């Protein structure tokens, strides 16, 4: 699918999910690592850094080899000045544009779409506020395990990538190439205006369809969470 032939057209949920699989997002970690990530989300959502001893307990409890688990966490997590984990695989205690509040704890996510699958993995309701790039119009959502409440007409921009365009082993590559292109917008027209000169191919999905993409892409993690 070339940029010229498909730019900003109405990709289906299945096409977006297929592209995510092709570029390796999420990676095919297997049940034990999926369980580890799910438990990381739960710990991060408590709002306090995860200390090394706690991280080791989570690794062992998930059935992952301790040294391999430590290496895995080093590649998918954000750390504070003490080296403690404050974010991983999309959910963070650091400040990002996509605000994600769960049970009174103020968190954030790396990209807009993260909010739509992390809340179901947590099995909790999240209140999300995210400003659309360009206009800075806030988009407010309520996301739970079974669906999302969103303003009428709100959409999500999804970048459509070739596997060669992204290095999923690098957090920086995922952030720059993928996360920084995915945002909530109050309308399709505003999303189309922002994506029109970004140099990437985009799908623009309704919030409900983007939620469904998360259910498909993270089905294995949701099963073991």
N, C-alpha and C. Protein backbone atom coordinates (compact mmCIF):
# COMPACT_ATOMS: atom_id res chain seq x y z
N UNK A 1 0.85 -1.19 0.00
CA UNK A 1 0.00 0.00 0.00
C UNK A 1 0.88 1.24 0.00
N UNK A 2 0.85 2.00 -1.04
CA UNK A 2 1.70 3.17 -1.16
C UNK A 2 1.04 4.38 -0.54
N UNK A 3 1.88 5.36 -0.19
CA UNK A 3 1.35 6.60 0.35
C UNK A 3 0.42 7.27 -0.63
N UNK A 4 0.77 7.23 -1.92
CA UNK A 4 -0.04 7.93 -2.92
C UNK A 4 -1.42 7.31 -3.05
N UNK A 5 -1.51 5.98 -2.94
CA UNK A 5 -2.78 5.34 -3.22
C UNK A 5 -3.69 5.24 -2.00
N UNK A 6 -3.11 5.29 -0.78
CA UNK A 6 -3.93 5.04 0.40
C UNK A 6 -3.91 6.16 1.43
N UNK A 7 -3.23 7.27 1.15
CA UNK A 7 -3.05 8.31 2.15
C UNK A 7 -4.38 8.82 2.69
N UNK A 8 -4.52 8.73 4.03
CA UNK A 8 -5.69 9.27 4.72
C UNK A 8 -7.02 8.65 4.27
N UNK A 9 -6.98 7.45 3.71
CA UNK A 9 -8.24 6.79 3.36
C UNK A 9 -8.76 6.02 4.56
N UNK A 10 -9.94 5.50 4.43
CA UNK A 10 -10.62 4.89 5.57
C UNK A 10 -10.25 3.41 5.67
N UNK A 11 -9.10 3.16 6.24
CA UNK A 11 -8.69 1.78 6.51
C UNK A 11 -9.68 1.13 7.45
N UNK A 12 -9.83 -0.17 7.32
CA UNK A 12 -10.69 -0.92 8.22
C UNK A 12 -9.94 -1.28 9.49
N UNK A 13 -10.68 -1.68 10.50
CA UNK A 13 -10.06 -2.16 11.74
C UNK A 13 -9.10 -3.30 11.45
N UNK A 14 -9.53 -4.24 10.60
CA UNK A 14 -8.68 -5.39 10.28
C UNK A 14 -7.40 -4.97 9.59
N UNK A 15 -7.47 -3.98 8.70
CA UNK A 15 -6.26 -3.52 7.99
C UNK A 15 -5.27 -2.86 8.94
N UNK A 16 -5.77 -2.08 9.88
CA UNK A 16 -4.88 -1.43 10.84
C UNK A 16 -4.25 -2.48 11.75
N UNK A 17 -5.05 -3.43 12.23
CA UNK A 17 -4.51 -4.49 13.07
C UNK A 17 -3.48 -5.32 12.32
N UNK A 18 -3.73 -5.56 11.04
CA UNK A 18 -2.78 -6.32 10.21
C UNK A 18 -1.47 -5.56 10.07
N UNK A 19 -1.54 -4.23 9.90
CA UNK A 19 -0.32 -3.45 9.78
C UNK A 19 0.46 -3.46 11.09
N UNK A 20 -0.23 -3.35 12.21
CA UNK A 20 0.44 -3.42 13.51
C UNK A 20 1.20 -4.74 13.66
N UNK A 21 0.56 -5.82 13.27
CA UNK A 21 1.20 -7.14 13.35
C UNK A 21 2.43 -7.18 12.45
N UNK A 22 2.32 -6.59 11.26
CA UNK A 22 3.43 -6.62 10.31
C UNK A 22 4.64 -5.86 10.82
N UNK A 23 4.42 -4.77 11.58
CA UNK A 23 5.55 -3.98 12.08
C UNK A 23 5.99 -4.43 13.47
N UNK A 24 5.32 -5.45 14.00
CA UNK A 24 5.75 -6.02 15.27
C UNK A 24 5.27 -5.31 16.50
N UNK A 25 4.09 -4.69 16.45
CA UNK A 25 3.50 -4.02 17.61
C UNK A 25 2.13 -4.60 17.91
N UNK A 26 1.95 -5.23 19.05
CA UNK A 26 2.99 -5.52 20.04
C UNK A 26 3.83 -6.70 19.58
N UNK A 27 5.05 -6.85 20.11
CA UNK A 27 5.84 -8.03 19.78
C UNK A 27 5.15 -9.30 20.25
N UNK A 28 5.52 -10.41 19.65
CA UNK A 28 4.96 -11.71 20.04
C UNK A 28 5.76 -12.23 21.23
N UNK A 29 5.44 -11.72 22.43
CA UNK A 29 6.22 -12.02 23.62
C UNK A 29 5.94 -13.40 24.20
N UNK A 30 4.76 -13.94 23.99
CA UNK A 30 4.37 -15.18 24.66
C UNK A 30 3.68 -14.89 25.98
N UNK A 31 3.02 -15.92 26.53
CA UNK A 31 2.16 -15.71 27.70
C UNK A 31 2.89 -15.17 28.91
N UNK A 32 4.08 -15.70 29.21
CA UNK A 32 4.76 -15.28 30.44
C UNK A 32 5.14 -13.81 30.40
N UNK A 33 5.67 -13.35 29.26
CA UNK A 33 6.05 -11.95 29.16
C UNK A 33 4.82 -11.05 29.08
N UNK A 34 3.77 -11.53 28.43
CA UNK A 34 2.53 -10.75 28.43
C UNK A 34 1.99 -10.58 29.85
N UNK A 35 2.08 -11.65 30.65
CA UNK A 35 1.65 -11.56 32.04
C UNK A 35 2.54 -10.57 32.81
N UNK A 36 3.84 -10.59 32.53
CA UNK A 36 4.75 -9.66 33.19
C UNK A 36 4.40 -8.21 32.87
N UNK A 37 4.12 -7.93 31.60
CA UNK A 37 3.76 -6.57 31.21
C UNK A 37 2.45 -6.16 31.88
N UNK A 38 1.49 -7.06 31.92
CA UNK A 38 0.21 -6.75 32.56
C UNK A 38 0.40 -6.41 34.04
N UNK A 39 1.28 -7.15 34.73
CA UNK A 39 1.52 -6.87 36.14
C UNK A 39 2.32 -5.58 36.30
N UNK A 40 3.18 -5.27 35.34
CA UNK A 40 3.87 -3.98 35.37
C UNK A 40 2.87 -2.83 35.30
N UNK A 41 1.89 -2.95 34.40
CA UNK A 41 0.85 -1.92 34.31
C UNK A 41 0.17 -1.72 35.67
N UNK A 42 -0.16 -2.84 36.32
CA UNK A 42 -0.85 -2.76 37.61
C UNK A 42 0.01 -2.04 38.64
N UNK A 43 1.30 -2.34 38.67
CA UNK A 43 2.19 -1.69 39.63
C UNK A 43 2.41 -0.22 39.29
N UNK A 44 2.60 0.09 38.02
CA UNK A 44 2.79 1.49 37.61
C UNK A 44 1.56 2.31 37.96
N UNK A 45 0.38 1.70 37.80
CA UNK A 45 -0.88 2.41 38.07
C UNK A 45 -1.06 2.76 39.54
N UNK A 46 -0.22 2.21 40.42
CA UNK A 46 -0.28 2.58 41.83
C UNK A 46 0.35 3.95 42.07
N UNK A 47 1.12 4.44 41.09
CA UNK A 47 1.65 5.80 41.17
C UNK A 47 2.99 5.95 41.83
N UNK A 48 3.63 4.85 42.19
CA UNK A 48 4.95 4.91 42.82
C UNK A 48 5.96 4.12 41.99
N UNK A 49 7.23 4.56 41.96
CA UNK A 49 8.24 3.83 41.20
C UNK A 49 8.33 2.36 41.65
N UNK A 50 8.65 1.50 40.71
CA UNK A 50 8.82 0.08 41.01
C UNK A 50 10.29 -0.15 41.35
N UNK A 51 10.56 -0.54 42.58
CA UNK A 51 11.93 -0.77 43.02
C UNK A 51 12.47 -2.08 42.44
N UNK A 52 13.80 -2.21 42.35
CA UNK A 52 14.39 -3.42 41.75
C UNK A 52 13.90 -4.72 42.38
N UNK A 53 13.79 -4.76 43.71
CA UNK A 53 13.35 -5.99 44.37
C UNK A 53 11.92 -6.34 43.97
N UNK A 54 11.07 -5.32 43.85
CA UNK A 54 9.69 -5.56 43.42
C UNK A 54 9.66 -6.04 41.98
N UNK A 55 10.47 -5.44 41.13
CA UNK A 55 10.53 -5.88 39.73
C UNK A 55 10.95 -7.34 39.64
N UNK A 56 11.90 -7.74 40.46
CA UNK A 56 12.34 -9.15 40.46
C UNK A 56 11.21 -10.08 40.86
N UNK A 57 10.42 -9.66 41.86
CA UNK A 57 9.28 -10.47 42.29
C UNK A 57 8.28 -10.63 41.14
N UNK A 58 8.02 -9.55 40.42
CA UNK A 58 7.08 -9.60 39.29
C UNK A 58 7.60 -10.53 38.20
N UNK A 59 8.89 -10.48 37.94
CA UNK A 59 9.49 -11.34 36.91
C UNK A 59 9.30 -12.80 37.26
N UNK A 60 9.66 -13.17 38.47
CA UNK A 60 9.57 -14.57 38.90
C UNK A 60 8.11 -15.03 38.93
N UNK A 61 7.21 -14.16 39.43
CA UNK A 61 5.79 -14.52 39.51
C UNK A 61 5.18 -14.77 38.14
N UNK A 62 5.73 -14.11 37.11
CA UNK A 62 5.21 -14.30 35.75
C UNK A 62 5.78 -15.54 35.08
N UNK A 63 6.70 -16.22 35.76
CA UNK A 63 7.30 -17.42 35.19
C UNK A 63 8.42 -17.15 34.21
N UNK A 64 9.04 -15.97 34.34
CA UNK A 64 10.12 -15.57 33.44
C UNK A 64 11.45 -15.75 34.17
N UNK A 65 12.46 -16.22 33.45
CA UNK A 65 13.80 -16.32 34.02
C UNK A 65 14.25 -14.96 34.53
N UNK A 66 14.85 -14.92 35.71
CA UNK A 66 15.15 -13.65 36.36
C UNK A 66 16.08 -12.78 35.53
N UNK A 67 17.18 -13.31 35.06
CA UNK A 67 18.13 -12.51 34.30
C UNK A 67 17.54 -12.09 32.95
N UNK A 68 16.82 -13.00 32.32
CA UNK A 68 16.18 -12.64 31.05
C UNK A 68 15.11 -11.58 31.27
N UNK A 69 14.40 -11.69 32.38
CA UNK A 69 13.37 -10.71 32.69
C UNK A 69 13.96 -9.34 32.96
N UNK A 70 15.08 -9.31 33.66
CA UNK A 70 15.73 -8.02 33.91
C UNK A 70 16.17 -7.37 32.60
N UNK A 71 16.71 -8.19 31.70
CA UNK A 71 17.13 -7.66 30.40
C UNK A 71 15.93 -7.15 29.61
N UNK A 72 14.82 -7.88 29.68
CA UNK A 72 13.59 -7.46 29.00
C UNK A 72 13.11 -6.12 29.53
N UNK A 73 13.06 -5.99 30.85
CA UNK A 73 12.59 -4.74 31.44
C UNK A 73 13.49 -3.57 31.09
N UNK A 74 14.78 -3.83 30.98
CA UNK A 74 15.70 -2.75 30.61
C UNK A 74 15.37 -2.20 29.23
N UNK A 75 14.79 -3.02 28.37
CA UNK A 75 14.50 -2.59 27.01
C UNK A 75 13.14 -1.96 26.81
N UNK A 76 12.22 -2.15 27.78
CA UNK A 76 10.85 -1.67 27.57
C UNK A 76 10.41 -0.65 28.61
N UNK A 77 11.29 -0.26 29.52
CA UNK A 77 10.85 0.57 30.64
C UNK A 77 11.53 1.93 30.67
N UNK A 78 10.85 2.87 31.33
CA UNK A 78 11.42 4.17 31.67
C UNK A 78 11.88 4.13 33.12
N UNK A 79 13.00 4.78 33.40
CA UNK A 79 13.55 4.78 34.75
C UNK A 79 13.67 6.21 35.28
N UNK A 80 13.63 6.32 36.61
CA UNK A 80 13.89 7.61 37.23
C UNK A 80 15.38 7.74 37.55
N UNK A 81 15.76 8.80 38.23
CA UNK A 81 17.18 9.05 38.52
C UNK A 81 17.79 7.96 39.39
N UNK A 82 16.97 7.23 40.14
CA UNK A 82 17.47 6.15 40.99
C UNK A 82 17.53 4.82 40.27
N UNK A 83 17.07 4.80 39.01
CA UNK A 83 17.04 3.55 38.27
C UNK A 83 15.80 2.72 38.50
N UNK A 84 14.80 3.28 39.21
CA UNK A 84 13.55 2.57 39.44
C UNK A 84 12.61 2.76 38.25
N UNK A 85 11.76 1.78 38.03
CA UNK A 85 10.85 1.81 36.88
C UNK A 85 9.69 2.76 37.16
N UNK A 86 9.48 3.70 36.25
CA UNK A 86 8.34 4.63 36.36
C UNK A 86 7.41 4.53 35.15
N UNK A 87 7.77 3.73 34.18
CA UNK A 87 6.93 3.55 33.00
C UNK A 87 7.37 2.36 32.20
N UNK A 88 6.45 1.78 31.43
CA UNK A 88 6.79 0.63 30.59
C UNK A 88 5.69 0.39 29.58
N UNK A 89 6.09 0.09 28.35
CA UNK A 89 5.19 -0.38 27.29
C UNK A 89 3.95 0.52 27.15
N UNK A 90 4.15 1.82 27.31
CA UNK A 90 3.06 2.74 27.03
C UNK A 90 2.47 3.46 28.21
N UNK A 91 2.58 2.89 29.42
CA UNK A 91 2.01 3.53 30.62
C UNK A 91 3.15 4.10 31.46
N UNK A 92 2.98 5.33 31.96
CA UNK A 92 4.07 5.98 32.65
C UNK A 92 3.58 6.91 33.76
N UNK A 93 4.44 7.07 34.76
CA UNK A 93 4.22 8.06 35.80
C UNK A 93 4.81 9.42 35.43
N UNK A 94 5.54 9.47 34.31
CA UNK A 94 6.07 10.74 33.81
C UNK A 94 4.96 11.53 33.13
N UNK A 95 5.26 12.77 32.83
CA UNK A 95 4.25 13.66 32.24
C UNK A 95 4.32 13.63 30.72
N UNK A 96 3.23 13.20 30.09
CA UNK A 96 3.11 13.18 28.64
C UNK A 96 1.77 13.82 28.26
N UNK A 97 1.59 14.13 26.98
CA UNK A 97 0.35 14.83 26.59
C UNK A 97 -0.93 14.03 26.83
N UNK A 98 -0.84 12.71 26.85
CA UNK A 98 -2.04 11.89 26.98
C UNK A 98 -2.24 11.52 28.46
N UNK A 99 -3.04 12.33 29.16
CA UNK A 99 -3.24 12.14 30.59
C UNK A 99 -4.22 11.00 30.85
N UNK A 100 -3.86 10.16 31.83
CA UNK A 100 -4.55 8.89 32.05
C UNK A 100 -4.73 8.73 33.56
N UNK A 101 -5.95 8.99 34.05
CA UNK A 101 -6.21 8.95 35.49
C UNK A 101 -7.00 7.69 35.85
N UNK A 102 -6.46 6.93 36.81
CA UNK A 102 -7.11 5.69 37.25
C UNK A 102 -7.21 5.69 38.76
N UNK A 103 -8.43 5.65 39.26
CA UNK A 103 -8.68 5.59 40.71
C UNK A 103 -7.91 6.68 41.46
N UNK A 104 -7.92 7.89 40.91
CA UNK A 104 -7.30 9.02 41.57
C UNK A 104 -5.81 9.16 41.35
N UNK A 105 -5.19 8.24 40.62
CA UNK A 105 -3.76 8.31 40.35
C UNK A 105 -3.56 8.92 38.96
N UNK A 106 -2.79 9.99 38.90
CA UNK A 106 -2.54 10.67 37.64
C UNK A 106 -1.33 10.07 36.93
N UNK A 107 -1.58 9.49 35.77
CA UNK A 107 -0.57 8.85 34.95
C UNK A 107 -0.62 9.45 33.56
N UNK A 108 0.10 8.87 32.64
CA UNK A 108 0.06 9.29 31.24
C UNK A 108 0.43 8.10 30.37
N UNK A 109 0.20 8.24 29.08
CA UNK A 109 0.60 7.19 28.14
C UNK A 109 1.47 7.78 27.04
N UNK A 110 2.23 6.91 26.38
CA UNK A 110 3.15 7.35 25.34
C UNK A 110 2.40 7.86 24.12
N UNK A 111 1.31 7.21 23.76
CA UNK A 111 0.52 7.68 22.61
C UNK A 111 -0.96 7.53 22.92
N UNK A 112 -1.78 8.13 22.10
CA UNK A 112 -3.22 8.12 22.35
C UNK A 112 -3.77 6.71 22.40
N UNK A 113 -3.34 5.87 21.49
CA UNK A 113 -3.89 4.52 21.40
C UNK A 113 -3.59 3.70 22.64
N UNK A 114 -2.46 3.95 23.30
CA UNK A 114 -2.13 3.20 24.52
C UNK A 114 -3.27 3.25 25.53
N UNK A 115 -3.93 4.39 25.63
CA UNK A 115 -5.01 4.52 26.60
C UNK A 115 -6.12 3.51 26.34
N UNK A 116 -6.29 3.14 25.08
CA UNK A 116 -7.44 2.33 24.68
C UNK A 116 -7.23 0.84 24.93
N UNK A 117 -5.98 0.39 25.12
CA UNK A 117 -5.80 -1.02 25.47
C UNK A 117 -5.30 -1.21 26.90
N UNK A 118 -4.65 -0.19 27.47
CA UNK A 118 -4.13 -0.34 28.83
C UNK A 118 -5.26 -0.39 29.85
N UNK A 119 -6.29 0.43 29.69
CA UNK A 119 -7.42 0.37 30.63
C UNK A 119 -8.04 -1.02 30.67
N UNK A 120 -8.30 -1.68 29.52
CA UNK A 120 -8.82 -3.05 29.58
C UNK A 120 -7.86 -4.03 30.23
N UNK A 121 -6.55 -3.88 30.00
CA UNK A 121 -5.59 -4.78 30.65
C UNK A 121 -5.63 -4.60 32.17
N UNK A 122 -5.77 -3.34 32.62
CA UNK A 122 -5.88 -3.06 34.05
C UNK A 122 -7.22 -3.51 34.65
N UNK A 123 -8.21 -3.72 33.76
CA UNK A 123 -9.57 -4.05 34.19
C UNK A 123 -10.15 -2.93 35.06
N UNK A 124 -9.81 -1.71 34.71
CA UNK A 124 -10.28 -0.54 35.44
C UNK A 124 -10.77 0.54 34.47
N UNK A 125 -11.49 1.50 35.00
CA UNK A 125 -11.96 2.63 34.20
C UNK A 125 -10.92 3.75 34.29
N UNK A 126 -10.55 4.30 33.15
CA UNK A 126 -9.59 5.40 33.10
C UNK A 126 -10.26 6.63 32.52
N UNK A 127 -9.96 7.78 33.10
CA UNK A 127 -10.40 9.06 32.54
C UNK A 127 -9.22 9.67 31.81
N UNK A 128 -9.43 9.95 30.54
CA UNK A 128 -8.35 10.39 29.67
C UNK A 128 -8.63 11.79 29.15
N UNK A 129 -7.60 12.63 29.17
CA UNK A 129 -7.67 13.95 28.56
C UNK A 129 -6.42 14.10 27.69
N UNK A 130 -6.64 14.39 26.41
CA UNK A 130 -5.53 14.52 25.48
C UNK A 130 -5.83 15.65 24.50
N UNK A 131 -4.86 16.52 24.30
CA UNK A 131 -5.06 17.66 23.41
C UNK A 131 -4.65 17.32 21.99
N UNK A 132 -5.51 17.68 21.04
CA UNK A 132 -5.22 17.43 19.64
C UNK A 132 -4.06 18.32 19.18
N UNK A 133 -3.07 17.75 18.50
CA UNK A 133 -1.98 18.59 17.98
C UNK A 133 -2.52 19.58 16.96
N UNK A 134 -1.93 20.74 16.93
CA UNK A 134 -2.41 21.77 16.01
C UNK A 134 -3.33 22.74 16.72
N UNK A 135 -4.51 22.28 17.09
CA UNK A 135 -5.50 23.17 17.72
C UNK A 135 -5.42 23.17 19.24
N UNK A 136 -4.81 22.13 19.82
CA UNK A 136 -4.77 21.93 21.27
C UNK A 136 -6.15 21.74 21.89
N UNK A 137 -7.12 21.37 21.07
CA UNK A 137 -8.45 21.08 21.58
C UNK A 137 -8.42 19.84 22.45
N UNK A 138 -8.87 19.91 23.71
CA UNK A 138 -8.85 18.72 24.55
C UNK A 138 -9.94 17.73 24.15
N UNK A 139 -9.56 16.47 24.11
CA UNK A 139 -10.51 15.38 23.86
C UNK A 139 -10.58 14.57 25.14
N UNK A 140 -11.77 14.44 25.71
CA UNK A 140 -11.95 13.74 26.98
C UNK A 140 -12.70 12.44 26.74
N UNK A 141 -12.18 11.36 27.36
CA UNK A 141 -12.77 10.04 27.18
C UNK A 141 -12.85 9.31 28.50
N UNK A 142 -13.77 8.37 28.58
CA UNK A 142 -13.83 7.42 29.69
C UNK A 142 -13.67 6.03 29.08
N UNK A 143 -12.61 5.33 29.50
CA UNK A 143 -12.27 4.05 28.89
C UNK A 143 -12.31 2.96 29.95
N UNK A 144 -13.01 1.88 29.66
CA UNK A 144 -13.11 0.77 30.59
C UNK A 144 -12.81 -0.55 29.91
N UNK A 145 -12.93 -1.64 30.63
CA UNK A 145 -12.64 -2.95 30.06
C UNK A 145 -13.50 -3.31 28.87
N UNK A 146 -14.73 -2.78 28.82
CA UNK A 146 -15.67 -3.21 27.80
C UNK A 146 -15.94 -2.18 26.71
N UNK A 147 -15.33 -1.01 26.80
CA UNK A 147 -15.59 -0.02 25.77
C UNK A 147 -15.16 1.37 26.19
N UNK A 148 -15.58 2.34 25.39
CA UNK A 148 -15.12 3.71 25.59
C UNK A 148 -16.27 4.68 25.37
N UNK A 149 -16.32 5.72 26.19
CA UNK A 149 -17.25 6.83 25.99
C UNK A 149 -16.45 8.00 25.46
N UNK A 150 -16.81 8.47 24.27
CA UNK A 150 -16.04 9.51 23.60
C UNK A 150 -16.98 10.56 23.01
N UNK A 151 -16.48 11.78 22.79
CA UNK A 151 -17.30 12.80 22.14
C UNK A 151 -17.70 12.36 20.73
N UNK A 152 -18.88 12.76 20.32
CA UNK A 152 -19.34 12.44 18.97
C UNK A 152 -18.34 12.98 17.94
N UNK A 153 -17.97 12.15 17.01
CA UNK A 153 -17.10 12.57 15.92
C UNK A 153 -15.62 12.48 16.21
N UNK A 154 -15.23 12.18 17.45
CA UNK A 154 -13.80 12.11 17.79
C UNK A 154 -13.15 10.93 17.09
N UNK A 155 -11.88 11.11 16.73
CA UNK A 155 -11.16 10.09 15.96
C UNK A 155 -9.73 9.95 16.49
N UNK A 156 -9.04 8.93 15.98
CA UNK A 156 -7.63 8.69 16.28
C UNK A 156 -6.85 8.59 14.98
N UNK A 157 -5.70 9.24 14.92
CA UNK A 157 -4.81 9.07 13.76
C UNK A 157 -3.93 7.85 14.00
N UNK A 158 -3.84 6.97 13.01
CA UNK A 158 -2.98 5.78 13.07
C UNK A 158 -2.00 5.84 11.91
N UNK A 159 -0.72 5.85 12.22
CA UNK A 159 0.28 5.84 11.16
C UNK A 159 0.40 4.42 10.61
N UNK A 160 0.44 4.32 9.29
CA UNK A 160 0.57 3.04 8.61
C UNK A 160 2.02 2.93 8.11
N UNK A 161 2.75 1.95 8.62
CA UNK A 161 4.18 1.87 8.38
C UNK A 161 4.58 0.59 7.66
N UNK A 162 5.69 0.70 6.96
CA UNK A 162 6.38 -0.48 6.45
C UNK A 162 7.25 -1.02 7.57
N UNK A 163 7.42 -2.35 7.68
CA UNK A 163 8.26 -2.89 8.75
C UNK A 163 9.67 -2.30 8.78
N UNK A 164 10.17 -1.85 7.64
CA UNK A 164 11.51 -1.27 7.61
C UNK A 164 11.55 0.14 8.19
N UNK A 165 10.38 0.73 8.43
CA UNK A 165 10.33 2.11 8.93
C UNK A 165 10.52 2.23 10.43
N UNK A 166 10.48 1.10 11.16
CA UNK A 166 10.49 1.18 12.62
C UNK A 166 11.32 0.07 13.21
N UNK A 167 12.09 0.41 14.23
CA UNK A 167 12.88 -0.55 14.99
C UNK A 167 12.20 -0.75 16.33
N UNK A 168 11.46 -1.86 16.47
CA UNK A 168 10.68 -2.06 17.69
C UNK A 168 11.54 -2.46 18.89
N UNK A 169 12.83 -2.69 18.68
CA UNK A 169 13.72 -2.97 19.81
C UNK A 169 14.21 -1.70 20.48
N UNK A 170 13.91 -0.55 19.88
CA UNK A 170 14.36 0.73 20.40
C UNK A 170 13.16 1.56 20.84
N UNK A 171 13.12 1.95 22.11
CA UNK A 171 12.03 2.80 22.58
C UNK A 171 11.99 4.11 21.82
N UNK A 172 13.17 4.67 21.52
CA UNK A 172 13.22 5.96 20.82
C UNK A 172 12.61 5.84 19.43
N UNK A 173 12.86 4.73 18.73
CA UNK A 173 12.30 4.54 17.40
C UNK A 173 10.79 4.40 17.47
N UNK A 174 10.30 3.65 18.45
CA UNK A 174 8.85 3.47 18.60
C UNK A 174 8.19 4.81 18.92
N UNK A 175 8.81 5.59 19.81
CA UNK A 175 8.24 6.88 20.16
C UNK A 175 8.17 7.81 18.94
N UNK A 176 9.30 7.96 18.24
CA UNK A 176 9.39 8.95 17.17
C UNK A 176 8.57 8.54 15.95
N UNK A 177 8.69 7.29 15.57
CA UNK A 177 8.06 6.84 14.32
C UNK A 177 6.60 6.48 14.49
N UNK A 178 6.25 5.96 15.66
CA UNK A 178 4.90 5.45 15.88
C UNK A 178 4.12 6.33 16.85
N UNK A 179 4.57 6.41 18.09
CA UNK A 179 3.78 7.09 19.13
C UNK A 179 3.50 8.55 18.81
N UNK A 180 4.48 9.25 18.27
CA UNK A 180 4.31 10.68 18.02
C UNK A 180 3.39 10.99 16.85
N UNK A 181 2.91 9.95 16.18
CA UNK A 181 1.99 10.13 15.05
C UNK A 181 0.55 9.76 15.41
N UNK A 182 0.33 9.28 16.62
CA UNK A 182 -0.99 8.78 17.01
C UNK A 182 -1.60 9.71 18.04
N UNK A 183 -2.71 10.33 17.66
CA UNK A 183 -3.33 11.35 18.52
C UNK A 183 -4.84 11.28 18.41
N UNK A 184 -5.50 11.80 19.45
CA UNK A 184 -6.94 12.01 19.39
C UNK A 184 -7.23 13.37 18.76
N UNK A 185 -8.33 13.42 18.01
CA UNK A 185 -8.80 14.66 17.40
C UNK A 185 -10.30 14.76 17.61
N UNK A 186 -10.83 15.98 17.74
CA UNK A 186 -12.28 16.13 17.93
C UNK A 186 -13.09 15.83 16.69
N UNK A 187 -12.43 15.81 15.51
CA UNK A 187 -13.17 15.55 14.27
C UNK A 187 -12.24 14.94 13.23
N UNK A 188 -12.85 14.26 12.27
CA UNK A 188 -12.08 13.69 11.16
C UNK A 188 -11.43 14.79 10.33
N UNK A 189 -12.11 15.90 10.15
CA UNK A 189 -11.58 16.99 9.35
C UNK A 189 -10.29 17.53 9.96
N UNK A 190 -10.27 17.70 11.28
CA UNK A 190 -9.06 18.19 11.95
C UNK A 190 -7.93 17.17 11.85
N UNK A 191 -8.26 15.90 11.98
CA UNK A 191 -7.23 14.86 11.85
C UNK A 191 -6.66 14.83 10.45
N UNK A 192 -7.51 14.95 9.45
CA UNK A 192 -7.03 14.93 8.07
C UNK A 192 -6.14 16.13 7.78
N UNK A 193 -6.47 17.28 8.35
CA UNK A 193 -5.64 18.47 8.13
C UNK A 193 -4.26 18.27 8.75
N UNK A 194 -4.20 17.68 9.95
CA UNK A 194 -2.90 17.50 10.63
C UNK A 194 -2.04 16.44 9.95
N UNK A 195 -2.68 15.37 9.49
CA UNK A 195 -1.91 14.27 8.89
C UNK A 195 -1.52 14.53 7.45
N UNK A 196 -2.10 15.53 6.81
CA UNK A 196 -1.94 15.69 5.36
C UNK A 196 -0.50 15.96 4.93
N UNK A 197 0.30 16.59 5.80
CA UNK A 197 1.67 16.92 5.38
C UNK A 197 2.71 16.33 6.33
N UNK A 198 2.38 15.21 6.97
CA UNK A 198 3.30 14.60 7.93
C UNK A 198 4.36 13.72 7.28
N UNK A 199 4.17 13.36 6.00
CA UNK A 199 5.15 12.50 5.33
C UNK A 199 4.95 11.02 5.58
N UNK A 200 3.84 10.67 6.24
CA UNK A 200 3.50 9.27 6.48
C UNK A 200 2.13 8.97 5.89
N UNK A 201 1.84 7.70 5.80
CA UNK A 201 0.52 7.24 5.41
C UNK A 201 -0.29 7.01 6.68
N UNK A 202 -1.54 7.48 6.72
CA UNK A 202 -2.34 7.41 7.93
C UNK A 202 -3.70 6.76 7.68
N UNK A 203 -4.17 6.07 8.71
CA UNK A 203 -5.57 5.71 8.83
C UNK A 203 -6.18 6.62 9.90
N UNK A 204 -7.41 7.00 9.71
CA UNK A 204 -8.12 7.79 10.71
C UNK A 204 -9.34 6.98 11.14
N UNK A 205 -9.33 6.55 12.42
CA UNK A 205 -10.36 5.66 12.93
C UNK A 205 -11.22 6.36 13.97
N UNK A 206 -12.46 5.94 14.05
CA UNK A 206 -13.29 6.37 15.17
C UNK A 206 -12.68 5.84 16.46
N UNK A 207 -13.01 6.45 17.59
CA UNK A 207 -12.49 5.99 18.87
C UNK A 207 -12.92 4.55 19.12
N UNK A 208 -14.15 4.23 18.76
CA UNK A 208 -14.65 2.87 18.98
C UNK A 208 -13.87 1.86 18.15
N UNK A 209 -13.56 2.21 16.90
CA UNK A 209 -12.79 1.30 16.06
C UNK A 209 -11.35 1.15 16.57
N UNK A 210 -10.78 2.24 17.06
CA UNK A 210 -9.43 2.17 17.62
C UNK A 210 -9.41 1.29 18.87
N UNK A 211 -10.46 1.34 19.67
CA UNK A 211 -10.58 0.45 20.83
C UNK A 211 -10.60 -1.01 20.36
N UNK A 212 -11.34 -1.27 19.28
CA UNK A 212 -11.42 -2.64 18.75
C UNK A 212 -10.05 -3.11 18.24
N UNK A 213 -9.29 -2.20 17.63
CA UNK A 213 -7.94 -2.55 17.20
C UNK A 213 -7.11 -3.01 18.40
N UNK A 214 -7.25 -2.32 19.52
CA UNK A 214 -6.54 -2.71 20.73
C UNK A 214 -6.94 -4.09 21.21
N UNK A 215 -8.24 -4.40 21.12
CA UNK A 215 -8.71 -5.72 21.53
C UNK A 215 -8.10 -6.82 20.66
N UNK A 216 -7.96 -6.54 19.37
CA UNK A 216 -7.36 -7.51 18.46
C UNK A 216 -5.86 -7.64 18.68
N UNK A 217 -5.18 -6.50 18.75
CA UNK A 217 -3.73 -6.52 18.82
C UNK A 217 -3.22 -7.08 20.15
N UNK A 218 -3.95 -6.80 21.23
CA UNK A 218 -3.50 -7.22 22.56
C UNK A 218 -4.35 -8.35 23.13
N UNK A 219 -4.94 -9.15 22.25
CA UNK A 219 -5.80 -10.25 22.70
C UNK A 219 -5.05 -11.21 23.60
N UNK A 220 -3.79 -11.51 23.29
CA UNK A 220 -3.05 -12.46 24.11
C UNK A 220 -2.78 -11.90 25.50
N UNK A 221 -2.45 -10.62 25.60
CA UNK A 221 -2.20 -10.02 26.91
C UNK A 221 -3.49 -9.92 27.71
N UNK A 222 -4.58 -9.56 27.04
CA UNK A 222 -5.86 -9.45 27.73
C UNK A 222 -6.29 -10.81 28.27
N UNK A 223 -5.92 -11.87 27.56
CA UNK A 223 -6.30 -13.22 27.99
C UNK A 223 -5.60 -13.64 29.29
N UNK A 224 -4.34 -13.20 29.47
CA UNK A 224 -3.58 -13.65 30.64
C UNK A 224 -3.55 -12.61 31.76
N UNK A 225 -4.05 -11.41 31.49
CA UNK A 225 -3.97 -10.33 32.49
C UNK A 225 -4.82 -10.66 33.73
